[in-house]
Each structure stands twice: as structure tokens, then as C-alpha cells.
């Protein structure tokens, strides 16, 4: 539903902003474009797996900016 709403806002904003509507619709289209782009970037997880009740999962965080020597 989020994706459909953002797509509608983008299409409507571009259409109304470029065909004689109010300039604010172009701002709405720009905001929708940014939301759509960011949601694509966030939703791409490096690993996806199913976890069932009773399974154990260990998540380790590391800083990729530091080297192993330091």
C-alpha cells in the first residue's frame, strides 16, 4: 500500500505540476520520488532467511571502516 500511494503521488504530482497546475505539485512529485528511491535502497537486505520458532540466530555487527590489524 505504501508503494502504491507513493507511486500515485509521484504520477499525480508530475501530471498536475507540468500541465498548468500549482507548482507545489512538483514538490510533491519530488518528495515521492525521493521516498520511492530510498524505500528501494532500504528494502534490499544483504541476506534473507526464514526463522522458525525455536531456531537460534546470532547477528554480529562490525565496522567495515576499521582493519583487522587495529
C-alpha atoms as a PDB file:
ATOM      1  CA  UNK A   1       0.000   0.000   0.000  1.00  0.00           C
ATOM      2  CA  UNK A   2       2.872   2.368   0.782  1.00  0.00           C
ATOM      3  CA  UNK A   3       4.421   1.795  -2.627  1.00  0.00           C
ATOM      4  CA  UNK A   4       1.114   2.312  -4.437  1.00  0.00           C
ATOM      5  CA  UNK A   5       0.451   5.572  -2.596  1.00  0.00           C
ATOM      6  CA  UNK A   6       3.944   6.908  -3.319  1.00  0.00           C
ATOM      7  CA  UNK A   7       3.604   5.974  -6.992  1.00  0.00           C
ATOM      8  CA  UNK A   8       0.223   7.715  -7.172  1.00  0.00           C
ATOM      9  CA  UNK A   9       1.644  10.851  -5.544  1.00  0.00           C
ATOM     10  CA  UNK A  10       4.557  10.831  -7.992  1.00  0.00           C
ATOM     11  CA  UNK A  11       2.391  10.409 -11.101  1.00  0.00           C
ATOM     12  CA  UNK A  12      -0.206  12.912  -9.945  1.00  0.00           C
ATOM     13  CA  UNK A  13       2.424  15.439  -8.900  1.00  0.00           C
ATOM     14  CA  UNK A  14       4.216  15.304 -12.229  1.00  0.00           C
ATOM     15  CA  UNK A  15       0.961  15.446 -14.203  1.00  0.00           C
ATOM     16  CA  UNK A  16      -0.580  18.334 -12.275  1.00  0.00           C
ATOM     17  CA  UNK A  17       2.678  20.198 -11.825  1.00  0.00           C
ATOM     18  CA  UNK A  18       3.557  20.232 -15.518  1.00  0.00           C
ATOM     19  CA  UNK A  19       0.109  20.737 -17.069  1.00  0.00           C
ATOM     20  CA  UNK A  20      -0.768  24.112 -15.616  1.00  0.00           C
ATOM     21  CA  UNK A  21      -1.487  23.064 -12.062  1.00  0.00           C
ATOM     22  CA  UNK A  22       0.086  24.582  -9.000  1.00  0.00           C
ATOM     23  CA  UNK A  23       3.890  24.441  -8.675  1.00  0.00           C
ATOM     24  CA  UNK A  24       3.537  22.731  -5.291  1.00  0.00           C
ATOM     25  CA  UNK A  25       2.589  19.524  -7.108  1.00  0.00           C
ATOM     26  CA  UNK A  26       6.142  19.374  -8.469  1.00  0.00           C
ATOM     27  CA  UNK A  27       7.398  19.455  -4.872  1.00  0.00           C
ATOM     28  CA  UNK A  28       5.030  16.579  -4.058  1.00  0.00           C
ATOM     29  CA  UNK A  29       6.392  14.643  -7.057  1.00  0.00           C
ATOM     30  CA  UNK A  30       9.977  15.286  -5.952  1.00  0.00           C
ATOM     31  CA  UNK A  31       9.235  14.119  -2.401  1.00  0.00           C
ATOM     32  CA  UNK A  32       7.520  10.979  -3.721  1.00  0.00           C
ATOM     33  CA  UNK A  33      10.491  10.258  -5.988  1.00  0.00           C
ATOM     34  CA  UNK A  34      12.873  10.532  -3.005  1.00  0.00           C
ATOM     35  CA  UNK A  35      10.668   8.243  -0.896  1.00  0.00           C
ATOM     36  CA  UNK A  36      10.482   5.695  -3.710  1.00  0.00           C
ATOM     37  CA  UNK A  37      14.245   5.736  -4.232  1.00  0.00           C
ATOM     38  CA  UNK A  38      15.010   5.405  -0.519  1.00  0.00           C
ATOM     39  CA  UNK A  39      12.498   2.605   0.013  1.00  0.00           C
ATOM     40  CA  UNK A  40      14.186   0.647  -2.801  1.00  0.00           C
ATOM     41  CA  UNK A  41      17.590   1.102  -1.193  1.00  0.00           C
ATOM     42  CA  UNK A  42      16.407   0.173   2.317  1.00  0.00           C
ATOM     43  CA  UNK A  43      14.363  -2.871   1.279  1.00  0.00           C
ATOM     44  CA  UNK A  44      17.320  -4.653  -0.314  1.00  0.00           C
ATOM     45  CA  UNK A  45      18.660  -6.720   2.560  1.00  0.00           C
ATOM     46  CA  UNK A  46      22.027  -8.450   2.081  1.00  0.00           C
ATOM     47  CA  UNK A  47      20.669 -11.719   3.499  1.00  0.00           C
ATOM     48  CA  UNK A  48      17.119 -13.031   3.759  1.00  0.00           C
ATOM     49  CA  UNK A  49      16.217 -16.216   5.568  1.00  0.00           C
ATOM     50  CA  UNK A  50      13.253 -17.757   7.350  1.00  0.00           C
ATOM     51  CA  UNK A  51      13.486 -18.137  11.111  1.00  0.00           C
ATOM     52  CA  UNK A  52      11.144 -20.614  12.713  1.00  0.00           C
ATOM     53  CA  UNK A  53      10.119 -20.699  16.381  1.00  0.00           C
ATOM     54  CA  UNK A  54      12.862 -22.390  18.388  1.00  0.00           C
ATOM     55  CA  UNK A  55      15.630 -21.555  15.896  1.00  0.00           C
ATOM     56  CA  UNK A  56      18.626 -19.618  17.141  1.00  0.00           C
ATOM     57  CA  UNK A  57      20.079 -16.730  15.247  1.00  0.00           C
ATOM     58  CA  UNK A  58      23.231 -14.784  16.069  1.00  0.00           C
ATOM     59  CA  UNK A  59      23.690 -11.377  14.483  1.00  0.00           C
ATOM     60  CA  UNK A  60      27.143  -9.792  14.589  1.00  0.00           C
ATOM     61  CA  UNK A  61      27.798  -6.176  13.699  1.00  0.00           C
ATOM     62  CA  UNK A  62      31.206  -4.987  12.575  1.00  0.00           C
ATOM     63  CA  UNK A  63      32.653  -1.740  11.400  1.00  0.00           C
ATOM     64  CA  UNK A  64      33.901  -2.092   7.834  1.00  0.00           C
ATOM     65  CA  UNK A  65      35.956   1.111   8.148  1.00  0.00           C
ATOM     66  CA  UNK A  66      38.473  -0.487  10.525  1.00  0.00           C
ATOM     67  CA  UNK A  67      41.031  -3.064   9.521  1.00  0.00           C
ATOM     68  CA  UNK A  68      41.761  -6.349  11.255  1.00  0.00           C
ATOM     69  CA  UNK A  69      45.204  -5.085  12.373  1.00  0.00           C
ATOM     70  CA  UNK A  70      43.886  -2.253  14.518  1.00  0.00           C
END
